[in-house]
Amino acid sequence: MEKQAPTGPPSCSSPLRPPGPPTNIMFQFLLGFTLGNVVGMYLAQNYDIPNLAKKLEEIKKDLDAKKKPPTS
């Protein structure tokens, strides 16, 4: 009479639920992702949000202009 070692957690051997991440974690991710998108869309439509890519380009150009010695 030998005892067999357990093969994994009980949830893995259940035929009703395939192995994978728990649904609670997936639900939290989807809820946060959706809420973040909705808030972002609201802010973009109702407020003047600056374009960060353009701002960084302007800053880079200003820094490059200050680095170069003036040509005369």
PDB file of N, CA and C in Angstrom:
ATOM      1  N   MET A   1       0.831  -1.172   0.000  1.00  0.00           N
ATOM      2  CA  MET A   1       0.000   0.000   0.000  1.00  0.00           C
ATOM      3  C   MET A   1       0.879   1.240   0.000  1.00  0.00           C
ATOM      4  N   GLU A   2       1.218   1.693  -1.155  1.00  0.00           N
ATOM      5  CA  GLU A   2       2.004   2.914  -1.266  1.00  0.00           C
ATOM      6  C   GLU A   2       1.081   4.083  -1.556  1.00  0.00           C
ATOM      7  N   LYS A   3       1.390   5.205  -0.931  1.00  0.00           N
ATOM      8  CA  LYS A   3       0.612   6.418  -1.203  1.00  0.00           C
ATOM      9  C   LYS A   3       1.229   7.128  -2.399  1.00  0.00           C
ATOM     10  N   GLN A   4       0.367   7.620  -3.259  1.00  0.00           N
ATOM     11  CA  GLN A   4       0.849   8.376  -4.407  1.00  0.00           C
ATOM     12  C   GLN A   4       1.013   9.842  -4.013  1.00  0.00           C
ATOM     13  N   ALA A   5       2.055  10.442  -4.555  1.00  0.00           N
ATOM     14  CA  ALA A   5       2.288  11.858  -4.284  1.00  0.00           C
ATOM     15  C   ALA A   5       1.260  12.695  -5.029  1.00  0.00           C
ATOM     16  N   PRO A   6       0.829  13.776  -4.418  1.00  0.00           N
ATOM     17  CA  PRO A   6      -0.124  14.639  -5.132  1.00  0.00           C
ATOM     18  C   PRO A   6       0.519  15.225  -6.392  1.00  0.00           C
ATOM     19  N   THR A   7      -0.280  15.339  -7.436  1.00  0.00           N
ATOM     20  CA  THR A   7       0.243  15.814  -8.720  1.00  0.00           C
ATOM     21  C   THR A   7       0.150  17.325  -8.867  1.00  0.00           C
ATOM     22  N   GLY A   8      -0.562  17.999  -8.034  1.00  0.00           N
ATOM     23  CA  GLY A   8      -0.683  19.452  -8.143  1.00  0.00           C
ATOM     24  C   GLY A   8      -1.841  19.930  -7.294  1.00  0.00           C
ATOM     25  N   PRO A   9      -2.118  21.210  -7.377  1.00  0.00           N
ATOM     26  CA  PRO A   9      -3.247  21.725  -6.600  1.00  0.00           C
ATOM     27  C   PRO A   9      -4.559  21.143  -7.096  1.00  0.00           C
ATOM     28  N   PRO A  10      -5.556  21.099  -6.235  1.00  0.00           N
ATOM     29  CA  PRO A  10      -6.832  20.495  -6.625  1.00  0.00           C
ATOM     30  C   PRO A  10      -7.476  21.186  -7.815  1.00  0.00           C
ATOM     31  N   SER A  11      -7.221  22.490  -8.002  1.00  0.00           N
ATOM     32  CA  SER A  11      -7.872  23.187  -9.106  1.00  0.00           C
ATOM     33  C   SER A  11      -7.360  22.704 -10.457  1.00  0.00           C
ATOM     34  N   CYS A  12      -6.132  22.163 -10.497  1.00  0.00           N
ATOM     35  CA  CYS A  12      -5.580  21.704 -11.771  1.00  0.00           C
ATOM     36  C   CYS A  12      -6.240  20.418 -12.237  1.00  0.00           C
ATOM     37  N   SER A  13      -6.710  19.611 -11.313  1.00  0.00           N
ATOM     38  CA  SER A  13      -7.279  18.336 -11.695  1.00  0.00           C
ATOM     39  C   SER A  13      -8.780  18.430 -11.952  1.00  0.00           C
ATOM     40  N   SER A  14      -9.353  19.612 -11.776  1.00  0.00           N
ATOM     41  CA  SER A  14     -10.782  19.780 -11.998  1.00  0.00           C
ATOM     42  C   SER A  14     -11.081  19.793 -13.488  1.00  0.00           C
ATOM     43  N   PRO A  15     -12.018  18.963 -13.953  1.00  0.00           N
ATOM     44  CA  PRO A  15     -12.340  18.949 -15.379  1.00  0.00           C
ATOM     45  C   PRO A  15     -13.153  20.177 -15.801  1.00  0.00           C
ATOM     46  N   LEU A  16     -13.720  20.911 -14.839  1.00  0.00           N
ATOM     47  CA  LEU A  16     -14.563  22.042 -15.193  1.00  0.00           C
ATOM     48  C   LEU A  16     -13.762  23.308 -15.468  1.00  0.00           C
ATOM     49  N   ARG A  17     -12.589  23.461 -14.879  1.00  0.00           N
ATOM     50  CA  ARG A  17     -11.802  24.680 -15.034  1.00  0.00           C
ATOM     51  C   ARG A  17     -10.425  24.341 -15.568  1.00  0.00           C
ATOM     52  N   PRO A  18     -10.076  24.849 -16.749  1.00  0.00           N
ATOM     53  CA  PRO A  18      -8.749  24.549 -17.286  1.00  0.00           C
ATOM     54  C   PRO A  18      -7.668  25.257 -16.489  1.00  0.00           C
ATOM     55  N   PRO A  19      -6.459  24.712 -16.478  1.00  0.00           N
ATOM     56  CA  PRO A  19      -5.397  25.361 -15.735  1.00  0.00           C
ATOM     57  C   PRO A  19      -5.058  26.707 -16.365  1.00  0.00           C
ATOM     58  N   GLY A  20      -4.703  27.652 -15.548  1.00  0.00           N
ATOM     59  CA  GLY A  20      -4.372  28.984 -16.032  1.00  0.00           C
ATOM     60  C   GLY A  20      -4.480  29.966 -14.889  1.00  0.00           C
ATOM     61  N   PRO A  21      -4.360  31.252 -15.206  1.00  0.00           N
ATOM     62  CA  PRO A  21      -4.437  32.239 -14.134  1.00  0.00           C
ATOM     63  C   PRO A  21      -5.844  32.281 -13.554  1.00  0.00           C
ATOM     64  N   PRO A  22      -5.942  32.596 -12.290  1.00  0.00           N
ATOM     65  CA  PRO A  22      -7.275  32.679 -11.677  1.00  0.00           C
ATOM     66  C   PRO A  22      -8.098  33.784 -12.332  1.00  0.00           C
ATOM     67  N   THR A  23      -9.397  33.584 -12.377  1.00  0.00           N
ATOM     68  CA  THR A  23     -10.260  34.552 -13.039  1.00  0.00           C
ATOM     69  C   THR A  23     -10.296  35.870 -12.281  1.00  0.00           C
ATOM     70  N   ASN A  24     -10.041  35.856 -10.986  1.00  0.00           N
ATOM     71  CA  ASN A  24     -10.061  37.082 -10.202  1.00  0.00           C
ATOM     72  C   ASN A  24      -8.974  38.042 -10.671  1.00  0.00           C
ATOM     73  N   ILE A  25      -7.789  37.540 -10.958  1.00  0.00           N
ATOM     74  CA  ILE A  25      -6.692  38.386 -11.413  1.00  0.00           C
ATOM     75  C   ILE A  25      -7.006  38.943 -12.794  1.00  0.00           C
ATOM     76  N   MET A  26      -7.551  38.125 -13.667  1.00  0.00           N
ATOM     77  CA  MET A  26      -7.910  38.585 -15.012  1.00  0.00           C
ATOM     78  C   MET A  26      -9.001  39.648 -14.937  1.00  0.00           C
ATOM     79  N   PHE A  27      -9.966  39.454 -14.054  1.00  0.00           N
ATOM     80  CA  PHE A  27     -11.043  40.432 -13.894  1.00  0.00           C
ATOM     81  C   PHE A  27     -10.495  41.756 -13.389  1.00  0.00           C
ATOM     82  N   GLN A  28      -9.589  41.721 -12.423  1.00  0.00           N
ATOM     83  CA  GLN A  28      -8.994  42.957 -11.901  1.00  0.00           C
ATOM     84  C   GLN A  28      -8.211  43.672 -12.994  1.00  0.00           C
ATOM     85  N   PHE A  29      -7.462  42.935 -13.793  1.00  0.00           N
ATOM     86  CA  PHE A  29      -6.699  43.542 -14.878  1.00  0.00           C
ATOM     87  C   PHE A  29      -7.629  44.205 -15.888  1.00  0.00           C
ATOM     88  N   LEU A  30      -8.655  43.476 -16.321  1.00  0.00           N
ATOM     89  CA  LEU A  30      -9.578  44.024 -17.320  1.00  0.00           C
ATOM     90  C   LEU A  30     -10.333  45.231 -16.774  1.00  0.00           C
ATOM     91  N   LEU A  31     -10.709  45.196 -15.513  1.00  0.00           N
ATOM     92  CA  LEU A  31     -11.416  46.319 -14.911  1.00  0.00           C
ATOM     93  C   LEU A  31     -10.510  47.547 -14.850  1.00  0.00           C
ATOM     94  N   GLY A  32      -9.273  47.376 -14.426  1.00  0.00           N
ATOM     95  CA  GLY A  32      -8.336  48.494 -14.367  1.00  0.00           C
ATOM     96  C   GLY A  32      -8.001  49.033 -15.739  1.00  0.00           C
ATOM     97  N   PHE A  33      -7.806  48.152 -16.696  1.00  0.00           N
ATOM     98  CA  PHE A  33      -7.492  48.557 -18.070  1.00  0.00           C
ATOM     99  C   PHE A  33      -8.643  49.355 -18.663  1.00  0.00           C
ATOM    100  N   THR A  34      -9.864  48.863 -18.486  1.00  0.00           N
ATOM    101  CA  THR A  34     -11.040  49.534 -19.024  1.00  0.00           C
ATOM    102  C   THR A  34     -11.255  50.886 -18.350  1.00  0.00           C
ATOM    103  N   LEU A  35     -11.134  50.926 -17.044  1.00  0.00           N
ATOM    104  CA  LEU A  35     -11.321  52.169 -16.312  1.00  0.00           C
ATOM    105  C   LEU A  35     -10.256  53.194 -16.720  1.00  0.00           C
ATOM    106  N   GLY A  36      -9.030  52.761 -16.891  1.00  0.00           N
ATOM    107  CA  GLY A  36      -7.964  53.657 -17.330  1.00  0.00           C
ATOM    108  C   GLY A  36      -8.231  54.226 -18.705  1.00  0.00           C
ATOM    109  N   ASN A  37      -8.726  53.409 -19.615  1.00  0.00           N
ATOM    110  CA  ASN A  37      -9.057  53.895 -20.960  1.00  0.00           C
ATOM    111  C   ASN A  37     -10.204  54.894 -20.929  1.00  0.00           C
ATOM    112  N   VAL A  38     -11.216  54.621 -20.137  1.00  0.00           N
ATOM    113  CA  VAL A  38     -12.368  55.526 -20.068  1.00  0.00           C
ATOM    114  C   VAL A  38     -11.945  56.876 -19.483  1.00  0.00           C
ATOM    115  N   VAL A  39     -11.169  56.857 -18.426  1.00  0.00           N
ATOM    116  CA  VAL A  39     -10.695  58.107 -17.823  1.00  0.00           C
ATOM    117  C   VAL A  39      -9.790  58.859 -18.799  1.00  0.00           C
ATOM    118  N   GLY A  40      -8.924  58.143 -19.497  1.00  0.00           N
ATOM    119  CA  GLY A  40      -8.053  58.781 -20.472  1.00  0.00           C
ATOM    120  C   GLY A  40      -8.825  59.420 -21.610  1.00  0.00           C
ATOM    121  N   MET A  41      -9.868  58.750 -22.096  1.00  0.00           N
ATOM    122  CA  MET A  41     -10.687  59.327 -23.165  1.00  0.00           C
ATOM    123  C   MET A  41     -11.413  60.570 -22.671  1.00  0.00           C
ATOM    124  N   TYR A  42     -11.931  60.526 -21.463  1.00  0.00           N
ATOM    125  CA  TYR A  42     -12.627  61.684 -20.903  1.00  0.00           C
ATOM    126  C   TYR A  42     -11.685  62.880 -20.793  1.00  0.00           C
ATOM    127  N   LEU A  43     -10.492  62.642 -20.267  1.00  0.00           N
ATOM    128  CA  LEU A  43      -9.528  63.730 -20.114  1.00  0.00           C
ATOM    129  C   LEU A  43      -9.102  64.296 -21.466  1.00  0.00           C
ATOM    130  N   ALA A  44      -8.880  63.428 -22.442  1.00  0.00           N
ATOM    131  CA  ALA A  44      -8.442  63.877 -23.754  1.00  0.00           C
ATOM    132  C   ALA A  44      -9.525  64.707 -24.446  1.00  0.00           C
ATOM    133  N   GLN A  45     -10.786  64.389 -24.221  1.00  0.00           N
ATOM    134  CA  GLN A  45     -11.866  65.117 -24.877  1.00  0.00           C
ATOM    135  C   GLN A  45     -12.180  66.440 -24.196  1.00  0.00           C
ATOM    136  N   ASN A  46     -12.026  66.506 -22.886  1.00  0.00           N
ATOM    137  CA  ASN A  46     -12.493  67.668 -22.147  1.00  0.00           C
ATOM    138  C   ASN A  46     -11.391  68.605 -21.658  1.00  0.00           C
ATOM    139  N   TYR A  47     -10.149  68.223 -21.775  1.00  0.00           N
ATOM    140  CA  TYR A  47      -9.061  69.066 -21.315  1.00  0.00           C
ATOM    141  C   TYR A  47      -7.989  69.131 -22.390  1.00  0.00           C
ATOM    142  N   ASP A  48      -7.227  70.219 -22.373  1.00  0.00           N
ATOM    143  CA  ASP A  48      -6.162  70.405 -23.354  1.00  0.00           C
ATOM    144  C   ASP A  48      -4.905  69.701 -22.840  1.00  0.00           C
ATOM    145  N   ILE A  49      -4.755  68.456 -23.195  1.00  0.00           N
ATOM    146  CA  ILE A  49      -3.616  67.650 -22.761  1.00  0.00           C
ATOM    147  C   ILE A  49      -2.462  67.916 -23.725  1.00  0.00           C
ATOM    148  N   PRO A  50      -1.282  68.297 -23.216  1.00  0.00           N
ATOM    149  CA  PRO A  50      -0.161  68.553 -24.128  1.00  0.00           C
ATOM    150  C   PRO A  50       0.359  67.255 -24.748  1.00  0.00           C
ATOM    151  N   ASN A  51       0.853  67.391 -25.972  1.00  0.00           N
ATOM    152  CA  ASN A  51       1.442  66.254 -26.675  1.00  0.00           C
ATOM    153  C   ASN A  51       2.883  66.107 -26.193  1.00  0.00           C
ATOM    154  N   LEU A  52       3.160  65.069 -25.449  1.00  0.00           N
ATOM    155  CA  LEU A  52       4.481  64.899 -24.851  1.00  0.00           C
ATOM    156  C   LEU A  52       5.568  64.681 -25.889  1.00  0.00           C
ATOM    157  N   ALA A  53       5.251  64.027 -26.978  1.00  0.00           N
ATOM    158  CA  ALA A  53       6.258  63.787 -28.018  1.00  0.00           C
ATOM    159  C   ALA A  53       6.728  65.106 -28.616  1.00  0.00           C
ATOM    160  N   LYS A  54       5.784  66.016 -28.882  1.00  0.00           N
ATOM    161  CA  LYS A  54       6.153  67.321 -29.441  1.00  0.00           C
ATOM    162  C   LYS A  54       6.938  68.144 -28.429  1.00  0.00           C
ATOM    163  N   LYS A  55       6.542  68.091 -27.172  1.00  0.00           N
ATOM    164  CA  LYS A  55       7.257  68.840 -26.129  1.00  0.00           C
ATOM    165  C   LYS A  55       8.695  68.351 -26.002  1.00  0.00           C
ATOM    166  N   LEU A  56       8.894  67.042 -26.044  1.00  0.00           N
ATOM    167  CA  LEU A  56      10.249  66.498 -25.941  1.00  0.00           C
ATOM    168  C   LEU A  56      11.097  66.897 -27.141  1.00  0.00           C
ATOM    169  N   GLU A  57      10.486  66.934 -28.329  1.00  0.00           N
ATOM    170  CA  GLU A  57      11.218  67.376 -29.525  1.00  0.00           C
ATOM    171  C   GLU A  57      11.650  68.829 -29.387  1.00  0.00           C
ATOM    172  N   GLU A  58      10.762  69.683 -28.875  1.00  0.00           N
ATOM    173  CA  GLU A  58      11.096  71.091 -28.692  1.00  0.00           C
ATOM    174  C   GLU A  58      12.239  71.249 -27.692  1.00  0.00           C
ATOM    175  N   ILE A  59      12.189  70.504 -26.601  1.00  0.00           N
ATOM    176  CA  ILE A  59      13.249  70.578 -25.595  1.00  0.00           C
ATOM    177  C   ILE A  59      14.571  70.102 -26.186  1.00  0.00           C
ATOM    178  N   LYS A  60      14.524  69.037 -26.971  1.00  0.00           N
ATOM    179  CA  LYS A  60      15.739  68.514 -27.600  1.00  0.00           C
ATOM    180  C   LYS A  60      16.340  69.532 -28.561  1.00  0.00           C
ATOM    181  N   LYS A  61      15.491  70.190 -29.356  1.00  0.00           N
ATOM    182  CA  LYS A  61      15.980  71.210 -30.279  1.00  0.00           C
ATOM    183  C   LYS A  61      16.606  72.380 -29.525  1.00  0.00           C
ATOM    184  N   ASP A  62      15.977  72.793 -28.428  1.00  0.00           N
ATOM    185  CA  ASP A  62      16.521  73.893 -27.626  1.00  0.00           C
ATOM    186  C   ASP A  62      17.885  73.529 -27.047  1.00  0.00           C
ATOM    187  N   LEU A  63      18.011  72.311 -26.556  1.00  0.00           N
ATOM    188  CA  LEU A  63      19.294  71.880 -25.985  1.00  0.00           C
ATOM    189  C   LEU A  63      20.370  71.794 -27.059  1.00  0.00           C
ATOM    190  N   ASP A  64      20.015  71.287 -28.243  1.00  0.00           N
ATOM    191  CA  ASP A  64      20.979  71.206 -29.336  1.00  0.00           C
ATOM    192  C   ASP A  64      21.417  72.599 -29.776  1.00  0.00           C
ATOM    193  N   ALA A  65      20.492  73.555 -29.806  1.00  0.00           N
ATOM    194  CA  ALA A  65      20.834  74.921 -30.207  1.00  0.00           C
ATOM    195  C   ALA A  65      21.779  75.558 -29.184  1.00  0.00           C
ATOM    196  N   LYS A  66      21.621  75.251 -27.923  1.00  0.00           N
ATOM    197  CA  LYS A  66      22.493  75.820 -26.882  1.00  0.00           C
ATOM    198  C   LYS A  66      23.870  75.171 -26.887  1.00  0.00           C
ATOM    199  N   LYS A  67      23.970  73.920 -27.320  1.00  0.00           N
ATOM    200  CA  LYS A  67      25.252  73.220 -27.342  1.00  0.00           C
ATOM    201  C   LYS A  67      26.147  73.725 -28.460  1.00  0.00           C
ATOM    202  N   LYS A  68      25.560  74.030 -29.623  1.00  0.00           N
ATOM    203  CA  LYS A  68      26.365  74.409 -30.791  1.00  0.00           C
ATOM    204  C   LYS A  68      26.905  75.833 -30.603  1.00  0.00           C
ATOM    205  N   PRO A  69      28.172  76.038 -30.933  1.00  0.00           N
ATOM    206  CA  PRO A  69      28.713  77.403 -30.834  1.00  0.00           C
ATOM    207  C   PRO A  69      28.135  78.258 -31.975  1.00  0.00           C
ATOM    208  N   PRO A  70      27.933  79.522 -31.713  1.00  0.00           N
ATOM    209  CA  PRO A  70      27.371  80.378 -32.769  1.00  0.00           C
ATOM    210  C   PRO A  70      28.352  80.542 -33.923  1.00  0.00           C
ATOM    211  N   THR A  71      27.842  80.462 -35.121  1.00  0.00           N
ATOM    212  CA  THR A  71      28.696  80.614 -36.308  1.00  0.00           C
ATOM    213  C   THR A  71      28.628  82.064 -36.767  1.00  0.00           C
ATOM    214  N   SER A  72      29.804  82.669 -36.967  1.00  0.00           N
ATOM    215  CA  SER A  72      29.812  84.067 -37.408  1.00  0.00           C
ATOM    216  C   SER A  72      30.724  84.284 -38.576  1.00  0.00           C
TER     217      SER A  72
END
